[in-house]
C-alpha atoms as a PDB file:
ATOM      1  CA  MET A   1      26.339 358.886 101.029  1.00  0.00           C
ATOM      2  CA  SER A   2      29.249 356.610  99.993  1.00  0.00           C
ATOM      3  CA  LYS A   3      31.738 357.847  97.441  1.00  0.00           C
ATOM      4  CA  VAL A   4      33.198 356.104  94.617  1.00  0.00           C
ATOM      5  CA  LYS A   5      36.669 353.631  94.898  1.00  0.00           C
ATOM      6  CA  SER A   6      39.675 355.698  93.723  1.00  0.00           C
ATOM      7  CA  PRO A   7      40.455 354.602  90.382  1.00  0.00           C
ATOM      8  CA  CYS A   8      43.935 355.075  91.489  1.00  0.00           C
ATOM      9  CA  VAL A   9      46.549 352.024  90.772  1.00  0.00           C
ATOM     10  CA  ARG A  10      49.528 353.437  92.693  1.00  0.00           C
ATOM     11  CA  ARG A  11      51.119 354.277  89.211  1.00  0.00           C
ATOM     12  CA  CYS A  12      51.568 357.754  89.466  1.00  0.00           C
ATOM     13  CA  CYS A  13      53.331 359.459  86.767  1.00  0.00           C
ATOM     14  CA  LEU A  14      52.053 362.828  85.597  1.00  0.00           C
ATOM     15  CA  ASN A  15      52.974 363.423  81.596  1.00  0.00           C
ATOM     16  CA  GLU A  16      53.072 366.896  79.583  1.00  0.00           C
ATOM     17  CA  GLN A  17      49.610 367.492  80.326  1.00  0.00           C
ATOM     18  CA  ASP A  18      49.633 366.908  84.019  1.00  0.00           C
ATOM     19  CA  VAL A  19      47.631 363.390  83.353  1.00  0.00           C
ATOM     20  CA  CYS A  20      48.472 360.014  85.285  1.00  0.00           C
ATOM     21  CA  ILE A  21      49.553 357.727  83.112  1.00  0.00           C
ATOM     22  CA  GLY A  22      48.665 355.167  85.385  1.00  0.00           C
ATOM     23  CA  CYS A  23      45.082 356.395  86.352  1.00  0.00           C
ATOM     24  CA  GLY A  24      44.239 358.707  83.347  1.00  0.00           C
ATOM     25  CA  ARG A  25      43.135 361.589  85.421  1.00  0.00           C
ATOM     26  CA  THR A  26      44.533 365.479  85.803  1.00  0.00           C
ATOM     27  CA  LEU A  27      46.331 366.104  88.882  1.00  0.00           C
ATOM     28  CA  ASP A  28      43.265 368.583  89.548  1.00  0.00           C
ATOM     29  CA  GLU A  29      41.264 365.816  89.711  1.00  0.00           C
ATOM     30  CA  ILE A  30      43.503 363.576  91.477  1.00  0.00           C
ATOM     31  CA  THR A  31      43.967 366.541  94.324  1.00  0.00           C
ATOM     32  CA  GLY A  32      40.304 367.139  94.545  1.00  0.00           C
ATOM     33  CA  TRP A  33      38.938 363.713  94.362  1.00  0.00           C
ATOM     34  CA  VAL A  34      37.903 363.374  97.859  1.00  0.00           C
ATOM     35  CA  GLU A  35      35.807 366.579  97.218  1.00  0.00           C
ATOM     36  CA  LEU A  36      33.844 365.770  94.242  1.00  0.00           C
ATOM     37  CA  ARG A  37      29.946 364.145  94.775  1.00  0.00           C
ATOM     38  CA  LYS A  38      29.807 360.561  93.607  1.00  0.00           C
ATOM     39  CA  TRP A  39      28.161 361.292  90.155  1.00  0.00           C
ATOM     40  CA  GLN A  40      30.989 363.691  89.472  1.00  0.00           C
ATOM     41  CA  GLN A  41      33.250 360.942  90.582  1.00  0.00           C
ATOM     42  CA  GLN A  42      31.914 358.589  87.867  1.00  0.00           C
ATOM     43  CA  ALA A  43      32.530 361.431  85.002  1.00  0.00           C
ATOM     44  CA  VAL A  44      36.050 361.703  86.444  1.00  0.00           C
ATOM     45  CA  ILE A  45      36.834 357.646  86.169  1.00  0.00           C
ATOM     46  CA  LYS A  46      34.723 357.777  82.646  1.00  0.00           C
ATOM     47  CA  GLN A  47      36.882 360.662  81.514  1.00  0.00           C
ATOM     48  CA  ALA A  48      39.962 359.181  82.857  1.00  0.00           C
ATOM     49  CA  LYS A  49      39.184 355.952  80.932  1.00  0.00           C
ATOM     50  CA  LEU A  50      38.799 357.666  77.967  1.00  0.00           C
ATOM     51  CA  ARG A  51      42.270 359.486  78.541  1.00  0.00           C
ATOM     52  CA  LEU A  52      44.135 356.281  78.808  1.00  0.00           C
ATOM     53  CA  SER A  53      42.878 354.758  75.882  1.00  0.00           C
ATOM     54  CA  LYS A  54      44.004 357.991  73.495  1.00  0.00           C
ATOM     55  CA  LEU A  55      47.870 357.509  75.490  1.00  0.00           C
ATOM     56  CA  SER A  56      47.793 353.766  74.673  1.00  0.00           C
ATOM     57  CA  TYR A  57      47.424 355.002  71.144  1.00  0.00           C
ATOM     58  CA  LYS A  58      50.689 357.479  71.213  1.00  0.00           C
ATOM     59  CA  SER A  59      52.606 354.785  73.081  1.00  0.00           C
END
Protein backbone atom coordinates (compact mmCIF):
# COMPACT_ATOMS: atom_id res chain seq x y z
CA MET A 1 0.00 0.00 0.00
CA SER A 2 1.47 3.36 -0.98
CA LYS A 3 1.74 6.14 1.54
CA VAL A 4 0.70 9.74 1.10
CA LYS A 5 3.48 12.24 0.40
CA SER A 6 4.41 14.24 3.48
CA PRO A 7 3.05 17.80 3.45
CA CYS A 8 6.37 19.11 4.81
CA VAL A 9 7.51 22.26 3.00
CA ARG A 10 10.88 22.48 4.80
CA ARG A 11 9.86 25.61 6.74
CA CYS A 12 9.76 23.89 10.09
CA CYS A 13 9.00 26.18 12.98
CA LEU A 14 6.59 25.33 15.79
CA ASN A 15 4.34 27.94 17.35
CA GLU A 16 3.21 28.04 20.98
CA GLN A 17 0.68 25.25 20.36
CA ASP A 18 3.34 22.95 18.81
CA VAL A 19 1.88 23.46 15.33
CA CYS A 20 4.31 23.86 12.44
CA ILE A 21 3.77 27.19 10.71
CA GLY A 22 5.13 25.65 7.49
CA CYS A 23 2.86 22.63 7.03
CA GLY A 24 0.21 23.02 9.73
CA ARG A 25 0.81 19.67 11.42
CA THR A 26 1.17 19.24 15.15
CA LEU A 27 4.41 17.93 16.61
CA ASP A 28 2.74 14.56 17.30
CA GLU A 29 1.50 14.36 13.69
CA ILE A 30 4.97 15.14 12.36
CA THR A 31 6.79 12.59 14.51
CA GLY A 32 4.17 9.88 13.96
CA TRP A 33 3.69 10.44 10.22
CA VAL A 34 5.40 7.25 9.02
CA GLU A 35 3.32 5.11 11.39
CA LEU A 36 -0.04 6.38 10.14
CA ARG A 37 -2.20 4.54 7.66
CA LYS A 38 -2.95 6.21 4.33
CA TRP A 39 -6.44 7.36 5.39
CA GLN A 40 -5.00 8.80 8.61
CA GLN A 41 -2.34 10.71 6.67
CA GLN A 42 -5.03 12.13 4.41
CA ALA A 43 -7.01 13.23 7.48
CA VAL A 44 -3.90 14.87 8.96
CA ILE A 45 -3.34 16.81 5.74
CA LYS A 46 -6.94 18.02 5.76
CA GLN A 47 -6.66 19.17 9.39
CA ALA A 48 -3.26 20.76 8.75
CA LYS A 49 -4.66 22.84 5.90
CA LEU A 50 -7.47 24.01 8.16
CA ARG A 51 -4.98 24.95 10.89
CA LEU A 52 -2.84 26.89 8.41
CA SER A 53 -5.83 28.84 7.18
CA LYS A 54 -6.68 29.79 10.77
CA LEU A 55 -3.06 30.79 11.45
CA SER A 56 -3.02 33.10 8.43
CA TYR A 57 -6.04 34.98 9.80
CA LYS A 58 -4.15 35.73 13.02
CA SER A 59 -1.11 37.17 11.23
